[in-house]
Amino acid sequence: MAFTIDVEPANEVWLDLFPARIESDSWEPKHEEYRVIVTDTYFYIIDDTIDGPKAIVTLPTVAFEGNNKIGYTVTTPDAAFYTTRAPNCGCGSRIRGLFPFAGVPQTRPR
């Protein structure tokens, strides 16, 4: 079964990380198999819920910085999120094969 999620239009995908570990003062993660997508317009935390993949956090992107070695910080109007690659493989997760931004180039922010 193919899954889709609702997303806002974007010109660029800055980060698509799975599985992701997320830290934030304003949001409490329940596990380490999230998918984090940062675009030039929005920040998404996607989870594999009982009903299928779902964007459980969708917030406008204000600032984005970092790299694979130290992790990434995403600033939204309400909070900052720090994300790194989780140590697990995410095997069997339905969000691994989800491509909500097909055709949108993946680039580094300018």
PDB file of N, CA and C in Angstrom:
ATOM      1  N   MET A   1       0.836  -1.175   0.000  1.00  0.00           N
ATOM      2  CA  MET A   1       0.000   0.000   0.000  1.00  0.00           C
ATOM      3  C   MET A   1       0.885   1.244   0.000  1.00  0.00           C
ATOM      4  N   ALA A   2       0.613   2.175  -0.899  1.00  0.00           N
ATOM      5  CA  ALA A   2       1.380   3.419  -0.981  1.00  0.00           C
ATOM      6  C   ALA A   2       0.769   4.451  -0.032  1.00  0.00           C
ATOM      7  N   PHE A   3       1.631   5.109   0.715  1.00  0.00           N
ATOM      8  CA  PHE A   3       1.182   6.121   1.658  1.00  0.00           C
ATOM      9  C   PHE A   3       1.604   7.497   1.176  1.00  0.00           C
ATOM     10  N   THR A   4       0.813   8.496   1.515  1.00  0.00           N
ATOM     11  CA  THR A   4       1.143   9.889   1.245  1.00  0.00           C
ATOM     12  C   THR A   4       0.848  10.694   2.493  1.00  0.00           C
ATOM     13  N   ILE A   5       1.478  11.858   2.602  1.00  0.00           N
ATOM     14  CA  ILE A   5       1.174  12.789   3.686  1.00  0.00           C
ATOM     15  C   ILE A   5       0.978  14.163   3.074  1.00  0.00           C
ATOM     16  N   ASP A   6       0.233  15.007   3.760  1.00  0.00           N
ATOM     17  CA  ASP A   6       0.029  16.376   3.303  1.00  0.00           C
ATOM     18  C   ASP A   6       1.243  17.210   3.662  1.00  0.00           C
ATOM     19  N   VAL A   7       1.783  17.926   2.686  1.00  0.00           N
ATOM     20  CA  VAL A   7       2.922  18.805   2.905  1.00  0.00           C
ATOM     21  C   VAL A   7       2.658  20.141   2.229  1.00  0.00           C
ATOM     22  N   GLU A   8       3.372  21.151   2.693  1.00  0.00           N
ATOM     23  CA  GLU A   8       3.296  22.480   2.097  1.00  0.00           C
ATOM     24  C   GLU A   8       4.246  22.554   0.903  1.00  0.00           C
ATOM     25  N   PRO A   9       3.955  23.395  -0.073  1.00  0.00           N
ATOM     26  CA  PRO A   9       4.862  23.531  -1.224  1.00  0.00           C
ATOM     27  C   PRO A   9       6.268  23.946  -0.785  1.00  0.00           C
ATOM     28  N   ALA A  10       7.279  23.443  -1.494  1.00  0.00           N
ATOM     29  CA  ALA A  10       8.676  23.757  -1.181  1.00  0.00           C
ATOM     30  C   ALA A  10       9.468  23.869  -2.477  1.00  0.00           C
ATOM     31  N   ASN A  11      10.499  24.720  -2.448  1.00  0.00           N
ATOM     32  CA  ASN A  11      11.410  24.859  -3.578  1.00  0.00           C
ATOM     33  C   ASN A  11      12.641  23.976  -3.424  1.00  0.00           C
ATOM     34  N   GLU A  12      13.024  23.697  -2.160  1.00  0.00           N
ATOM     35  CA  GLU A  12      14.211  22.903  -1.868  1.00  0.00           C
ATOM     36  C   GLU A  12      13.995  22.065  -0.618  1.00  0.00           C
ATOM     37  N   VAL A  13      14.567  20.867  -0.600  1.00  0.00           N
ATOM     38  CA  VAL A  13      14.623  20.039   0.600  1.00  0.00           C
ATOM     39  C   VAL A  13      16.045  20.177   1.138  1.00  0.00           C
ATOM     40  N   TRP A  14      16.180  20.687   2.364  1.00  0.00           N
ATOM     41  CA  TRP A  14      17.489  20.912   2.967  1.00  0.00           C
ATOM     42  C   TRP A  14      17.985  19.695   3.742  1.00  0.00           C
ATOM     43  N   LEU A  15      17.057  18.906   4.291  1.00  0.00           N
ATOM     44  CA  LEU A  15      17.446  17.722   5.054  1.00  0.00           C
ATOM     45  C   LEU A  15      16.324  16.703   4.984  1.00  0.00           C
ATOM     46  N   ASP A  16      16.690  15.443   4.780  1.00  0.00           N
ATOM     47  CA  ASP A  16      15.759  14.322   4.844  1.00  0.00           C
ATOM     48  C   ASP A  16      16.500  13.228   5.601  1.00  0.00           C
ATOM     49  N   LEU A  17      16.197  13.081   6.884  1.00  0.00           N
ATOM     50  CA  LEU A  17      16.958  12.208   7.770  1.00  0.00           C
ATOM     51  C   LEU A  17      16.065  11.130   8.375  1.00  0.00           C
ATOM     52  N   PHE A  18      16.480   9.869   8.205  1.00  0.00           N
ATOM     53  CA  PHE A  18      15.766   8.736   8.790  1.00  0.00           C
ATOM     54  C   PHE A  18      16.763   7.612   9.056  1.00  0.00           C
ATOM     55  N   PRO A  19      16.716   6.973  10.191  1.00  0.00           N
ATOM     56  CA  PRO A  19      15.951   7.303  11.393  1.00  0.00           C
ATOM     57  C   PRO A  19      16.598   8.472  12.125  1.00  0.00           C
ATOM     58  N   ALA A  20      15.776   9.261  12.763  1.00  0.00           N
ATOM     59  CA  ALA A  20      16.258  10.477  13.406  1.00  0.00           C
ATOM     60  C   ALA A  20      15.979  10.474  14.905  1.00  0.00           C
ATOM     61  N   ARG A  21      16.973  10.950  15.640  1.00  0.00           N
ATOM     62  CA  ARG A  21      16.840  11.218  17.078  1.00  0.00           C
ATOM     63  C   ARG A  21      16.585  12.724  17.188  1.00  0.00           C
ATOM     64  N   ILE A  22      15.595  13.119  17.973  1.00  0.00           N
ATOM     65  CA  ILE A  22      15.201  14.521  18.062  1.00  0.00           C
ATOM     66  C   ILE A  22      15.188  14.950  19.520  1.00  0.00           C
ATOM     67  N   GLU A  23      15.743  16.129  19.776  1.00  0.00           N
ATOM     68  CA  GLU A  23      15.702  16.732  21.111  1.00  0.00           C
ATOM     69  C   GLU A  23      15.103  18.125  20.985  1.00  0.00           C
ATOM     70  N   SER A  24      14.250  18.478  21.951  1.00  0.00           N
ATOM     71  CA  SER A  24      13.644  19.803  21.981  1.00  0.00           C
ATOM     72  C   SER A  24      13.080  20.056  23.369  1.00  0.00           C
ATOM     73  N   ASP A  25      13.097  21.311  23.780  1.00  0.00           N
ATOM     74  CA  ASP A  25      12.486  21.665  25.066  1.00  0.00           C
ATOM     75  C   ASP A  25      10.967  21.693  24.984  1.00  0.00           C
ATOM     76  N   SER A  26      10.426  21.759  23.759  1.00  0.00           N
ATOM     77  CA  SER A  26       8.985  21.913  23.604  1.00  0.00           C
ATOM     78  C   SER A  26       8.273  20.664  23.086  1.00  0.00           C
ATOM     79  N   TRP A  27       9.034  19.588  22.822  1.00  0.00           N
ATOM     80  CA  TRP A  27       8.426  18.380  22.260  1.00  0.00           C
ATOM     81  C   TRP A  27       9.149  17.165  22.807  1.00  0.00           C
ATOM     82  N   GLU A  28       8.392  16.171  23.213  1.00  0.00           N
ATOM     83  CA  GLU A  28       8.955  14.975  23.833  1.00  0.00           C
ATOM     84  C   GLU A  28       8.866  13.781  22.871  1.00  0.00           C
ATOM     85  N   PRO A  29      10.003  13.282  22.371  1.00  0.00           N
ATOM     86  CA  PRO A  29       9.959  12.115  21.484  1.00  0.00           C
ATOM     87  C   PRO A  29       9.595  10.847  22.250  1.00  0.00           C
ATOM     88  N   LYS A  30       8.920   9.933  21.575  1.00  0.00           N
ATOM     89  CA  LYS A  30       8.523   8.668  22.190  1.00  0.00           C
ATOM     90  C   LYS A  30       9.438   7.513  21.792  1.00  0.00           C
ATOM     91  N   HIS A  31      10.233   7.716  20.721  1.00  0.00           N
ATOM     92  CA  HIS A  31      11.149   6.682  20.238  1.00  0.00           C
ATOM     93  C   HIS A  31      12.192   7.337  19.338  1.00  0.00           C
ATOM     94  N   GLU A  32      12.946   6.540  18.575  1.00  0.00           N
ATOM     95  CA  GLU A  32      13.998   7.075  17.702  1.00  0.00           C
ATOM     96  C   GLU A  32      13.835   6.615  16.261  1.00  0.00           C
ATOM     97  N   GLU A  33      12.626   6.440  15.814  1.00  0.00           N
ATOM     98  CA  GLU A  33      12.396   6.071  14.419  1.00  0.00           C
ATOM     99  C   GLU A  33      11.514   7.104  13.737  1.00  0.00           C
ATOM    100  N   TYR A  34      11.887   8.362  13.882  1.00  0.00           N
ATOM    101  CA  TYR A  34      11.189   9.435  13.199  1.00  0.00           C
ATOM    102  C   TYR A  34      11.918   9.749  11.898  1.00  0.00           C
ATOM    103  N   ARG A  35      11.219  10.412  11.025  1.00  0.00           N
ATOM    104  CA  ARG A  35      11.851  10.956   9.827  1.00  0.00           C
ATOM    105  C   ARG A  35      11.726  12.465   9.922  1.00  0.00           C
ATOM    106  N   VAL A  36      12.838  13.145   9.758  1.00  0.00           N
ATOM    107  CA  VAL A  36      12.865  14.608   9.820  1.00  0.00           C
ATOM    108  C   VAL A  36      13.109  15.127   8.407  1.00  0.00           C
ATOM    109  N   ILE A  37      12.241  16.009   7.975  1.00  0.00           N
ATOM    110  CA  ILE A  37      12.413  16.667   6.687  1.00  0.00           C
ATOM    111  C   ILE A  37      12.373  18.167   6.928  1.00  0.00           C
ATOM    112  N   VAL A  38      13.400  18.859   6.423  1.00  0.00           N
ATOM    113  CA  VAL A  38      13.465  20.313   6.516  1.00  0.00           C
ATOM    114  C   VAL A  38      13.492  20.850   5.092  1.00  0.00           C
ATOM    115  N   THR A  39      12.545  21.731   4.794  1.00  0.00           N
ATOM    116  CA  THR A  39      12.526  22.376   3.482  1.00  0.00           C
ATOM    117  C   THR A  39      12.798  23.862   3.681  1.00  0.00           C
ATOM    118  N   ASP A  40      12.843  24.582   2.593  1.00  0.00           N
ATOM    119  CA  ASP A  40      13.040  26.024   2.676  1.00  0.00           C
ATOM    120  C   ASP A  40      11.823  26.724   3.284  1.00  0.00           C
ATOM    121  N   THR A  41      10.731  26.001   3.466  1.00  0.00           N
ATOM    122  CA  THR A  41       9.521  26.607   4.028  1.00  0.00           C
ATOM    123  C   THR A  41       9.048  25.963   5.331  1.00  0.00           C
ATOM    124  N   TYR A  42       9.196  24.633   5.481  1.00  0.00           N
ATOM    125  CA  TYR A  42       8.647  23.946   6.647  1.00  0.00           C
ATOM    126  C   TYR A  42       9.573  22.877   7.207  1.00  0.00           C
ATOM    127  N   PHE A  43       9.324  22.556   8.482  1.00  0.00           N
ATOM    128  CA  PHE A  43      10.014  21.505   9.225  1.00  0.00           C
ATOM    129  C   PHE A  43       8.974  20.446   9.568  1.00  0.00           C
ATOM    130  N   TYR A  44       9.290  19.192   9.272  1.00  0.00           N
ATOM    131  CA  TYR A  44       8.361  18.090   9.517  1.00  0.00           C
ATOM    132  C   TYR A  44       9.021  17.011  10.362  1.00  0.00           C
ATOM    133  N   ILE A  45       8.243  16.486  11.315  1.00  0.00           N
ATOM    134  CA  ILE A  45       8.607  15.249  11.999  1.00  0.00           C
ATOM    135  C   ILE A  45       7.536  14.252  11.591  1.00  0.00           C
ATOM    136  N   ILE A  46       7.979  13.171  10.945  1.00  0.00           N
ATOM    137  CA  ILE A  46       7.053  12.171  10.431  1.00  0.00           C
ATOM    138  C   ILE A  46       7.218  10.906  11.258  1.00  0.00           C
ATOM    139  N   ASP A  47       6.073  10.322  11.640  1.00  0.00           N
ATOM    140  CA  ASP A  47       6.069   9.118  12.460  1.00  0.00           C
ATOM    141  C   ASP A  47       5.259   8.036  11.753  1.00  0.00           C
ATOM    142  N   ASP A  48       5.595   6.794  12.016  1.00  0.00           N
ATOM    143  CA  ASP A  48       4.848   5.655  11.488  1.00  0.00           C
ATOM    144  C   ASP A  48       3.781   5.307  12.522  1.00  0.00           C
ATOM    145  N   THR A  49       2.605   5.915  12.392  1.00  0.00           N
ATOM    146  CA  THR A  49       1.517   5.710  13.352  1.00  0.00           C
ATOM    147  C   THR A  49       0.750   4.429  13.010  1.00  0.00           C
ATOM    148  N   ILE A  50      -0.182   4.077  13.846  1.00  0.00           N
ATOM    149  CA  ILE A  50      -0.979   2.875  13.615  1.00  0.00           C
ATOM    150  C   ILE A  50      -1.771   2.969  12.310  1.00  0.00           C
ATOM    151  N   ASP A  51      -2.096   4.202  11.891  1.00  0.00           N
ATOM    152  CA  ASP A  51      -2.839   4.415  10.648  1.00  0.00           C
ATOM    153  C   ASP A  51      -1.929   4.669   9.451  1.00  0.00           C
ATOM    154  N   GLY A  52      -0.629   4.544   9.642  1.00  0.00           N
ATOM    155  CA  GLY A  52       0.323   4.795   8.568  1.00  0.00           C
ATOM    156  C   GLY A  52       1.143   6.036   8.842  1.00  0.00           C
ATOM    157  N   PRO A  53       2.021   6.401   7.922  1.00  0.00           N
ATOM    158  CA  PRO A  53       2.869   7.576   8.108  1.00  0.00           C
ATOM    159  C   PRO A  53       2.048   8.851   8.271  1.00  0.00           C
ATOM    160  N   LYS A  54       2.498   9.693   9.212  1.00  0.00           N
ATOM    161  CA  LYS A  54       1.781  10.937   9.484  1.00  0.00           C
ATOM    162  C   LYS A  54       2.782  12.000   9.922  1.00  0.00           C
ATOM    163  N   ALA A  55       2.604  13.229   9.428  1.00  0.00           N
ATOM    164  CA  ALA A  55       3.416  14.356   9.886  1.00  0.00           C
ATOM    165  C   ALA A  55       2.849  14.797  11.234  1.00  0.00           C
ATOM    166  N   ILE A  56       3.558  14.467  12.310  1.00  0.00           N
ATOM    167  CA  ILE A  56       3.055  14.781  13.652  1.00  0.00           C
ATOM    168  C   ILE A  56       3.479  16.177  14.105  1.00  0.00           C
ATOM    169  N   VAL A  57       4.495  16.744  13.455  1.00  0.00           N
ATOM    170  CA  VAL A  57       4.909  18.135  13.682  1.00  0.00           C
ATOM    171  C   VAL A  57       5.110  18.767  12.313  1.00  0.00           C
ATOM    172  N   THR A  58       4.448  19.903  12.098  1.00  0.00           N
ATOM    173  CA  THR A  58       4.603  20.687  10.874  1.00  0.00           C
ATOM    174  C   THR A  58       4.691  22.142  11.294  1.00  0.00           C
ATOM    175  N   LEU A  59       5.881  22.723  11.190  1.00  0.00           N
ATOM    176  CA  LEU A  59       6.098  24.107  11.624  1.00  0.00           C
ATOM    177  C   LEU A  59       6.913  24.854  10.571  1.00  0.00           C
ATOM    178  N   PRO A  60       6.689  26.141  10.421  1.00  0.00           N
ATOM    179  CA  PRO A  60       7.498  26.922   9.478  1.00  0.00           C
ATOM    180  C   PRO A  60       8.971  26.924   9.879  1.00  0.00           C
ATOM    181  N   THR A  61       9.847  26.832   8.885  1.00  0.00           N
ATOM    182  CA  THR A  61      11.288  26.880   9.113  1.00  0.00           C
ATOM    183  C   THR A  61      11.739  28.328   9.196  1.00  0.00           C
ATOM    184  N   VAL A  62      12.393  28.703  10.304  1.00  0.00           N
ATOM    185  CA  VAL A  62      12.943  30.049  10.475  1.00  0.00           C
ATOM    186  C   VAL A  62      14.443  30.040  10.200  1.00  0.00           C
ATOM    187  N   ALA A  63      15.146  29.033  10.746  1.00  0.00           N
ATOM    188  CA  ALA A  63      16.592  28.925  10.548  1.00  0.00           C
ATOM    189  C   ALA A  63      16.978  27.450  10.570  1.00  0.00           C
ATOM    190  N   PHE A  64      18.080  27.151   9.877  1.00  0.00           N
ATOM    191  CA  PHE A  64      18.564  25.771   9.793  1.00  0.00           C
ATOM    192  C   PHE A  64      20.077  25.803   9.678  1.00  0.00           C
ATOM    193  N   GLU A  65      20.752  24.980  10.504  1.00  0.00           N
ATOM    194  CA  GLU A  65      22.204  24.900  10.424  1.00  0.00           C
ATOM    195  C   GLU A  65      22.673  23.551  10.945  1.00  0.00           C
ATOM    196  N   GLY A  66      23.892  23.187  10.560  1.00  0.00           N
ATOM    197  CA  GLY A  66      24.489  21.953  11.049  1.00  0.00           C
ATOM    198  C   GLY A  66      25.052  21.110   9.932  1.00  0.00           C
ATOM    199  N   ASN A  67      25.490  19.897  10.325  1.00  0.00           N
ATOM    200  CA  ASN A  67      26.019  18.945   9.360  1.00  0.00           C
ATOM    201  C   ASN A  67      25.882  17.537   9.939  1.00  0.00           C
ATOM    202  N   ASN A  68      26.243  16.529   9.136  1.00  0.00           N
ATOM    203  CA  ASN A  68      26.097  15.135   9.574  1.00  0.00           C
ATOM    204  C   ASN A  68      26.947  14.810  10.793  1.00  0.00           C
ATOM    205  N   LYS A  69      28.083  15.458  10.933  1.00  0.00           N
ATOM    206  CA  LYS A  69      29.009  15.142  12.022  1.00  0.00           C
ATOM    207  C   LYS A  69      28.503  15.613  13.390  1.00  0.00           C
ATOM    208  N   ILE A  70      27.978  16.831  13.471  1.00  0.00           N
ATOM    209  CA  ILE A  70      27.551  17.382  14.766  1.00  0.00           C
ATOM    210  C   ILE A  70      26.043  17.374  14.961  1.00  0.00           C
ATOM    211  N   GLY A  71      25.281  17.178  13.898  1.00  0.00           N
ATOM    212  CA  GLY A  71      23.831  17.215  13.983  1.00  0.00           C
ATOM    213  C   GLY A  71      23.299  18.515  13.416  1.00  0.00           C
ATOM    214  N   TYR A  72      21.987  18.661  13.460  1.00  0.00           N
ATOM    215  CA  TYR A  72      21.315  19.809  12.853  1.00  0.00           C
ATOM    216  C   TYR A  72      20.417  20.496  13.868  1.00  0.00           C
ATOM    217  N   THR A  73      20.358  21.814  13.775  1.00  0.00           N
ATOM    218  CA  THR A  73      19.439  22.595  14.595  1.00  0.00           C
ATOM    219  C   THR A  73      18.456  23.274  13.663  1.00  0.00           C
ATOM    220  N   VAL A  74      17.177  23.060  13.930  1.00  0.00           N
ATOM    221  CA  VAL A  74      16.110  23.680  13.159  1.00  0.00           C
ATOM    222  C   VAL A  74      15.363  24.609  14.097  1.00  0.00           C
ATOM    223  N   THR A  75      15.254  25.859  13.705  1.00  0.00           N
ATOM    224  CA  THR A  75      14.522  26.839  14.497  1.00  0.00           C
ATOM    225  C   THR A  75      13.194  27.117  13.815  1.00  0.00           C
ATOM    226  N   THR A  76      12.129  27.056  14.601  1.00  0.00           N
ATOM    227  CA  THR A  76      10.783  27.372  14.132  1.00  0.00           C
ATOM    228  C   THR A  76      10.301  28.579  14.930  1.00  0.00           C
ATOM    229  N   PRO A  77       9.148  29.151  14.605  1.00  0.00           N
ATOM    230  CA  PRO A  77       8.686  30.304  15.389  1.00  0.00           C
ATOM    231  C   PRO A  77       8.485  30.013  16.876  1.00  0.00           C
ATOM    232  N   ASP A  78       8.191  28.760  17.215  1.00  0.00           N
ATOM    233  CA  ASP A  78       7.861  28.416  18.602  1.00  0.00           C
ATOM    234  C   ASP A  78       8.946  27.672  19.359  1.00  0.00           C
ATOM    235  N   ALA A  79       9.890  27.040  18.649  1.00  0.00           N
ATOM    236  CA  ALA A  79      10.852  26.180  19.341  1.00  0.00           C
ATOM    237  C   ALA A  79      12.053  25.893  18.457  1.00  0.00           C
ATOM    238  N   ALA A  80      13.079  25.328  19.093  1.00  0.00           N
ATOM    239  CA  ALA A  80      14.252  24.841  18.368  1.00  0.00           C
ATOM    240  C   ALA A  80      14.300  23.323  18.541  1.00  0.00           C
ATOM    241  N   PHE A  81      14.717  22.635  17.485  1.00  0.00           N
ATOM    242  CA  PHE A  81      14.823  21.190  17.487  1.00  0.00           C
ATOM    243  C   PHE A  81      16.241  20.817  17.081  1.00  0.00           C
ATOM    244  N   TYR A  82      16.843  19.893  17.823  1.00  0.00           N
ATOM    245  CA  TYR A  82      18.177  19.386  17.510  1.00  0.00           C
ATOM    246  C   TYR A  82      18.002  17.944  17.070  1.00  0.00           C
ATOM    247  N   THR A  83      18.544  17.598  15.911  1.00  0.00           N
ATOM    248  CA  THR A  83      18.363  16.249  15.399  1.00  0.00           C
ATOM    249  C   THR A  83      19.677  15.650  14.903  1.00  0.00           C
ATOM    250  N   THR A  84      19.828  14.369  15.164  1.00  0.00           N
ATOM    251  CA  THR A  84      20.981  13.596  14.692  1.00  0.00           C
ATOM    252  C   THR A  84      20.455  12.260  14.168  1.00  0.00           C
ATOM    253  N   ARG A  85      21.313  11.544  13.474  1.00  0.00           N
ATOM    254  CA  ARG A  85      20.915  10.214  13.007  1.00  0.00           C
ATOM    255  C   ARG A  85      20.810   9.287  14.218  1.00  0.00           C
ATOM    256  N   ALA A  86      19.725   8.542  14.290  1.00  0.00           N
ATOM    257  CA  ALA A  86      19.537   7.574  15.372  1.00  0.00           C
ATOM    258  C   ALA A  86      20.418   6.352  15.110  1.00  0.00           C
ATOM    259  N   PRO A  87      20.844   5.653  16.169  1.00  0.00           N
ATOM    260  CA  PRO A  87      21.752   4.518  15.987  1.00  0.00           C
ATOM    261  C   PRO A  87      21.092   3.264  15.423  1.00  0.00           C
ATOM    262  N   ASN A  88      19.770   3.221  15.341  1.00  0.00           N
ATOM    263  CA  ASN A  88      19.118   2.024  14.809  1.00  0.00           C
ATOM    264  C   ASN A  88      18.999   2.110  13.291  1.00  0.00           C
ATOM    265  N   CYS A  89      18.424   1.092  12.673  1.00  0.00           N
ATOM    266  CA  CYS A  89      18.352   1.060  11.207  1.00  0.00           C
ATOM    267  C   CYS A  89      16.990   1.463  10.664  1.00  0.00           C
ATOM    268  N   GLY A  90      15.964   1.457  11.486  1.00  0.00           N
ATOM    269  CA  GLY A  90      14.633   1.795  11.013  1.00  0.00           C
ATOM    270  C   GLY A  90      14.020   0.715  10.139  1.00  0.00           C
ATOM    271  N   CYS A  91      14.547  -0.480  10.225  1.00  0.00           N
ATOM    272  CA  CYS A  91      14.071  -1.583   9.392  1.00  0.00           C
ATOM    273  C   CYS A  91      12.578  -1.838   9.630  1.00  0.00           C
ATOM    274  N   GLY A  92      11.862  -2.062   8.558  1.00  0.00           N
ATOM    275  CA  GLY A  92      10.445  -2.388   8.658  1.00  0.00           C
ATOM    276  C   GLY A  92       9.523  -1.193   8.785  1.00  0.00           C
ATOM    277  N   SER A  93      10.048   0.005   8.899  1.00  0.00           N
ATOM    278  CA  SER A  93       9.215   1.178   9.047  1.00  0.00           C
ATOM    279  C   SER A  93       8.635   1.595   7.698  1.00  0.00           C
ATOM    280  N   ARG A  94       7.366   1.954   7.704  1.00  0.00           N
ATOM    281  CA  ARG A  94       6.712   2.384   6.473  1.00  0.00           C
ATOM    282  C   ARG A  94       7.151   3.769   6.026  1.00  0.00           C
ATOM    283  N   ILE A  95       7.789   4.541   6.912  1.00  0.00           N
ATOM    284  CA  ILE A  95       8.208   5.884   6.494  1.00  0.00           C
ATOM    285  C   ILE A  95       9.519   5.871   5.717  1.00  0.00           C
ATOM    286  N   ARG A  96      10.195   4.753   5.680  1.00  0.00           N
ATOM    287  CA  ARG A  96      11.434   4.639   4.904  1.00  0.00           C
ATOM    288  C   ARG A  96      11.160   4.859   3.414  1.00  0.00           C
ATOM    289  N   GLY A  97      10.065   4.348   2.895  1.00  0.00           N
ATOM    290  CA  GLY A  97       9.749   4.447   1.471  1.00  0.00           C
ATOM    291  C   GLY A  97       8.829   5.589   1.105  1.00  0.00           C
ATOM    292  N   LEU A  98       8.671   6.548   1.988  1.00  0.00           N
ATOM    293  CA  LEU A  98       7.791   7.688   1.742  1.00  0.00           C
ATOM    294  C   LEU A  98       8.580   8.815   1.076  1.00  0.00           C
ATOM    295  N   PHE A  99       8.063   9.367  -0.009  1.00  0.00           N
ATOM    296  CA  PHE A  99       8.740  10.449  -0.739  1.00  0.00           C
ATOM    297  C   PHE A  99       7.768  11.602  -0.985  1.00  0.00           C
ATOM    298  N   PRO A 100       7.491  12.408   0.044  1.00  0.00           N
ATOM    299  CA  PRO A 100       6.489  13.480  -0.105  1.00  0.00           C
ATOM    300  C   PRO A 100       6.948  14.648  -0.973  1.00  0.00           C
ATOM    301  N   PHE A 101       8.243  14.742  -1.270  1.00  0.00           N
ATOM    302  CA  PHE A 101       8.756  15.851  -2.069  1.00  0.00           C
ATOM    303  C   PHE A 101       9.418  15.355  -3.354  1.00  0.00           C
ATOM    304  N   ALA A 102       8.814  14.380  -4.011  1.00  0.00           N
ATOM    305  CA  ALA A 102       9.347  13.859  -5.261  1.00  0.00           C
ATOM    306  C   ALA A 102       9.457  14.995  -6.277  1.00  0.00           C
ATOM    307  N   GLY A 103      10.624  15.106  -6.888  1.00  0.00           N
ATOM    308  CA  GLY A 103      10.847  16.147  -7.886  1.00  0.00           C
ATOM    309  C   GLY A 103      11.379  17.457  -7.339  1.00  0.00           C
ATOM    310  N   VAL A 104      11.402  17.618  -6.014  1.00  0.00           N
ATOM    311  CA  VAL A 104      11.958  18.831  -5.397  1.00  0.00           C
ATOM    312  C   VAL A 104      13.434  18.574  -5.117  1.00  0.00           C
ATOM    313  N   PRO A 105      14.322  19.459  -5.576  1.00  0.00           N
ATOM    314  CA  PRO A 105      15.763  19.211  -5.388  1.00  0.00           C
ATOM    315  C   PRO A 105      16.186  19.246  -3.926  1.00  0.00           C
ATOM    316  N   GLN A 106      17.113  18.352  -3.559  1.00  0.00           N
ATOM    317  CA  GLN A 106      17.687  18.362  -2.217  1.00  0.00           C
ATOM    318  C   GLN A 106      19.009  19.119  -2.297  1.00  0.00           C
ATOM    319  N   THR A 107      19.092  20.241  -1.578  1.00  0.00           N
ATOM    320  CA  THR A 107      20.264  21.109  -1.619  1.00  0.00           C
ATOM    321  C   THR A 107      20.616  21.566  -0.206  1.00  0.00           C
ATOM    322  N   ARG A 108      21.731  22.252  -0.097  1.00  0.00           N
ATOM    323  CA  ARG A 108      22.121  22.894   1.162  1.00  0.00           C
ATOM    324  C   ARG A 108      21.524  24.287   1.185  1.00  0.00           C
ATOM    325  N   PRO A 109      21.111  24.787   2.355  1.00  0.00           N
ATOM    326  CA  PRO A 109      20.578  26.151   2.414  1.00  0.00           C
ATOM    327  C   PRO A 109      21.639  27.173   2.028  1.00  0.00           C
ATOM    328  N   ARG A 110      21.215  28.235   1.436  1.00  0.00           N
ATOM    329  CA  ARG A 110      22.128  29.314   1.013  1.00  0.00           C
ATOM    330  C   ARG A 110      22.296  30.327   2.101  1.00  0.00           C
TER     331      ARG A 110
END
